[in-house]
């Protein structure tokens, strides 16, 4: 499992690249993008309620079907609240950012069985993990650990190192997204000049 740091920075990069097309308040768009990129890990909340925070983690919420449902749910929410935005655009970006979480988790050293994530759940119980693992795994305990044990493992020196590696990988992506999204980007000006 990667930390919320990696997922949030990838969500932020997605928000920067798509923000000008979102027709939303930019702060709301950034917040939505970071929530969407972290949404699969909301499966920790039911475990928290039953006193076993890891019980449901990396289950069906870490599947392609869940990403699709998140996109559909986003469209539904936007339409119900009648926000003046393109609901389908927000839903598609929400689903893509949700799936970015799965892409990162496929590349994380998994420290407990079953190794990987159930991409095809609920249709298959097979777990997937790629062979090249640039991200280190977070020590967050195992199912059966109490909330206190989970917190003790989470706030460890190992996990501080994990965050350092995540920053080394994701900050360059964030910088690239910022460069691409700038309206005074030379590349953008060149394309506009050629059209005129």
Protein backbone atom coordinates (compact mmCIF):
# COMPACT_ATOMS: atom_id res chain seq x y z
CA UNK A 1 0.00 0.00 0.00
CA UNK A 2 1.24 3.48 -0.87
CA UNK A 3 0.62 6.40 1.49
CA UNK A 4 -1.96 9.15 0.96
CA UNK A 5 1.01 11.39 0.11
CA UNK A 6 1.67 9.62 -3.21
CA UNK A 7 -2.02 9.29 -4.08
CA UNK A 8 -2.76 12.93 -3.19
CA UNK A 9 0.13 14.30 -5.25
CA UNK A 10 -0.96 12.25 -8.26
CA UNK A 11 -4.51 13.54 -7.77
CA UNK A 12 -3.15 17.07 -7.55
CA UNK A 13 -1.20 16.58 -10.79
CA UNK A 14 -4.40 15.38 -12.48
CA UNK A 15 -6.26 18.42 -11.15
CA UNK A 16 -3.61 20.77 -12.54
CA UNK A 17 -3.71 19.25 -16.01
CA UNK A 18 -7.52 19.16 -16.22
CA UNK A 19 -8.41 22.19 -14.05
CA UNK A 20 -8.96 24.70 -16.84
CA UNK A 21 -11.59 22.42 -18.38
CA UNK A 22 -13.38 21.60 -15.12
CA UNK A 23 -15.45 24.81 -14.80
CA UNK A 24 -15.22 24.41 -11.03
CA UNK A 25 -13.75 26.53 -8.28
CA UNK A 26 -10.07 25.54 -8.48
CA UNK A 27 -9.83 24.76 -4.74
CA UNK A 28 -12.89 22.51 -4.97
CA UNK A 29 -11.41 20.84 -8.06
CA UNK A 30 -8.09 20.17 -6.29
CA UNK A 31 -9.92 18.81 -3.24
CA UNK A 32 -12.16 16.58 -5.37
CA UNK A 33 -9.15 15.27 -7.30
CA UNK A 34 -7.23 14.35 -4.15
CA UNK A 35 -10.30 12.67 -2.63
CA UNK A 36 -10.89 10.69 -5.84
CA UNK A 37 -7.24 9.56 -5.93
CA UNK A 38 -7.48 8.35 -2.31
CA UNK A 39 -11.04 6.97 -2.44
CA UNK A 40 -10.13 3.26 -2.71
CA UNK A 41 -8.56 3.48 0.76
CA UNK A 42 -11.88 4.53 2.27
CA UNK A 43 -12.24 0.77 2.82
CA UNK A 44 -10.25 1.37 6.02
CA UNK A 45 -13.29 3.13 7.57
CA UNK A 46 -15.53 0.03 7.96
CA UNK A 47 -12.59 -1.75 9.59
CA UNK A 48 -12.15 1.19 11.95
CA UNK A 49 -15.81 0.86 12.95
CA UNK A 50 -15.40 -2.84 13.85
CA UNK A 51 -12.05 -2.34 15.59
CA UNK A 52 -9.97 -4.14 12.93
CA UNK A 53 -8.84 -1.37 10.57
CA UNK A 54 -7.22 -3.69 8.00
CA UNK A 55 -10.07 -6.20 7.80
CA UNK A 56 -11.55 -4.87 4.53
CA UNK A 57 -8.48 -3.10 3.15
CA UNK A 58 -7.43 -3.81 -0.44
CA UNK A 59 -10.65 -5.61 -1.15
CA UNK A 60 -13.30 -4.89 -3.77
CA UNK A 61 -12.69 -1.12 -3.47
CA UNK A 62 -9.36 -1.76 -5.23
CA UNK A 63 -11.01 -3.03 -8.42
CA UNK A 64 -11.78 -1.69 -11.88
CA UNK A 65 -15.50 -2.13 -11.18
CA UNK A 66 -15.24 0.12 -8.11
CA UNK A 67 -13.50 2.78 -10.23
CA UNK A 68 -16.35 2.66 -12.74
CA UNK A 69 -18.93 2.88 -9.95
CA UNK A 70 -17.09 5.85 -8.46
CA UNK A 71 -17.32 7.67 -11.80
CA UNK A 72 -21.03 6.89 -12.12
CA UNK A 73 -21.65 7.97 -8.52
CA UNK A 74 -19.81 11.24 -9.18
CA UNK A 75 -22.03 11.99 -12.20
CA UNK A 76 -25.09 11.21 -10.08
CA UNK A 77 -23.98 13.55 -7.25
CA UNK A 78 -23.17 16.40 -9.64
CA UNK A 79 -26.59 16.08 -11.31
CA UNK A 80 -28.56 15.73 -8.05
CA UNK A 81 -26.97 18.86 -6.59
CA UNK A 82 -27.29 20.62 -9.97
CA UNK A 83 -23.76 21.94 -9.92
CA UNK A 84 -23.12 24.02 -13.00
CA UNK A 85 -20.39 21.79 -14.38
CA UNK A 86 -20.20 19.09 -16.99
CA UNK A 87 -21.19 16.08 -14.87
CA UNK A 88 -19.76 13.57 -17.35
CA UNK A 89 -16.38 15.31 -17.47
CA UNK A 90 -16.19 15.36 -13.67
CA UNK A 91 -17.28 11.71 -13.53
CA UNK A 92 -14.68 10.62 -16.07
CA UNK A 93 -11.87 12.50 -14.32
CA UNK A 94 -13.06 11.12 -10.98
CA UNK A 95 -12.95 7.56 -12.34
CA UNK A 96 -9.50 8.11 -13.91
CA UNK A 97 -8.10 9.49 -10.65
CA UNK A 98 -9.69 6.62 -8.71
CA UNK A 99 -8.00 4.20 -11.12
CA UNK A 100 -4.70 6.07 -10.69
CA UNK A 101 -4.78 4.78 -7.12
CA UNK A 102 -4.98 1.22 -8.41
CA UNK A 103 -2.14 1.85 -10.86
CA UNK A 104 0.09 3.03 -8.00
CA UNK A 105 -0.94 0.14 -5.73
CA UNK A 106 -0.06 -2.33 -8.51
CA UNK A 107 3.51 -1.01 -8.26
CA UNK A 108 3.88 -1.15 -4.48
CA UNK A 109 5.81 -3.79 -2.60
CA UNK A 110 3.05 -5.67 -0.78
CA UNK A 111 4.06 -6.82 2.69
CA UNK A 112 1.15 -9.16 3.43
CA UNK A 113 -0.88 -11.87 1.75
CA UNK A 114 -2.81 -11.91 -0.46
CA UNK A 115 -0.19 -10.03 -2.43
CA UNK A 116 -1.45 -7.41 -4.86
CA UNK A 117 -4.92 -6.02 -5.46
CA UNK A 118 -8.12 -7.71 -6.73
CA UNK A 119 -8.44 -5.75 -9.99
CA UNK A 120 -11.24 -7.93 -11.35
CA UNK A 121 -13.31 -8.20 -8.16
CA UNK A 122 -16.11 -9.08 -7.66
CA UNK A 123 -15.84 -11.27 -10.78
CA UNK A 124 -12.52 -12.86 -9.81
CA UNK A 125 -10.63 -13.23 -6.54
CA UNK A 126 -7.24 -13.20 -8.29
CA UNK A 127 -4.81 -10.54 -7.03
CA UNK A 128 -2.48 -8.64 -9.34
CA UNK A 129 0.92 -7.05 -8.79
CA UNK A 130 3.45 -5.98 -11.42
CA UNK A 131 7.00 -7.28 -11.27
CA UNK A 132 8.62 -3.82 -11.26
CA UNK A 133 7.94 -2.20 -7.88
CA UNK A 134 9.24 1.38 -7.65
CA UNK A 135 7.19 2.14 -4.53
CA UNK A 136 8.04 0.63 -1.15
CA UNK A 137 5.30 -0.85 0.98
CA UNK A 138 3.92 0.89 4.03
CA UNK A 139 3.97 -1.03 7.28
CA UNK A 140 0.39 -0.67 8.42
CA UNK A 141 -0.19 -3.93 10.24
CA UNK A 142 -2.28 -6.93 9.38
CA UNK A 143 -5.96 -7.83 9.75
CA UNK A 144 -6.65 -8.40 13.43
CA UNK A 145 -4.49 -5.50 14.63
CA UNK A 146 -6.13 -2.94 16.86
CA UNK A 147 -6.34 0.70 15.86
CA UNK A 148 -3.49 1.45 18.27
CA UNK A 149 -1.27 -1.24 16.68
CA UNK A 150 -2.16 0.14 13.25
CA UNK A 151 -1.19 3.69 14.31
CA UNK A 152 2.07 2.51 15.92
CA UNK A 153 3.05 0.75 12.69
CA UNK A 154 1.93 3.64 10.52
CA UNK A 155 4.04 6.22 12.35
CA UNK A 156 7.33 4.35 11.99
CA UNK A 157 10.76 5.24 10.61
CA UNK A 158 10.20 2.75 7.80
CA UNK A 159 7.13 4.63 6.64
CA UNK A 160 8.98 7.94 6.76
CA UNK A 161 11.44 6.42 4.26
CA UNK A 162 8.52 5.21 2.15
CA UNK A 163 7.17 8.77 1.99
CA UNK A 164 10.63 10.00 0.91
CA UNK A 165 10.66 7.56 -2.02
CA UNK A 166 7.10 8.55 -2.94
CA UNK A 167 8.05 12.22 -2.96
CA UNK A 168 11.07 11.49 -5.16
CA UNK A 169 8.78 9.77 -7.69
CA UNK A 170 5.67 11.99 -7.56
CA UNK A 171 7.08 15.51 -7.13
CA UNK A 172 8.62 15.45 -10.64
CA UNK A 173 5.18 14.42 -11.98
CA UNK A 174 3.65 17.35 -10.12
CA UNK A 175 6.22 19.75 -11.59
CA UNK A 176 5.54 18.43 -15.11
CA UNK A 177 1.77 18.85 -14.55
CA UNK A 178 2.33 22.41 -13.32
CA UNK A 179 4.43 23.25 -16.40
CA UNK A 180 1.85 21.75 -18.75
CA UNK A 181 -1.04 23.55 -17.03
CA UNK A 182 0.47 27.04 -17.05
CA UNK A 183 -1.30 29.36 -19.50
CA UNK A 184 2.01 31.04 -20.36
CA UNK A 185 3.60 27.68 -21.20
CA UNK A 186 5.91 28.14 -24.21
CA UNK A 187 4.66 24.92 -25.75
CA UNK A 188 1.08 26.19 -25.56
CA UNK A 189 2.07 29.59 -27.02
CA UNK A 190 3.89 27.87 -29.88
CA UNK A 191 0.78 25.83 -30.77
CA UNK A 192 -1.46 28.92 -30.58
CA UNK A 193 0.96 30.89 -32.77
CA UNK A 194 1.04 28.15 -35.39
CA UNK A 195 -2.77 28.10 -35.57
CA UNK A 196 -2.94 31.84 -36.19
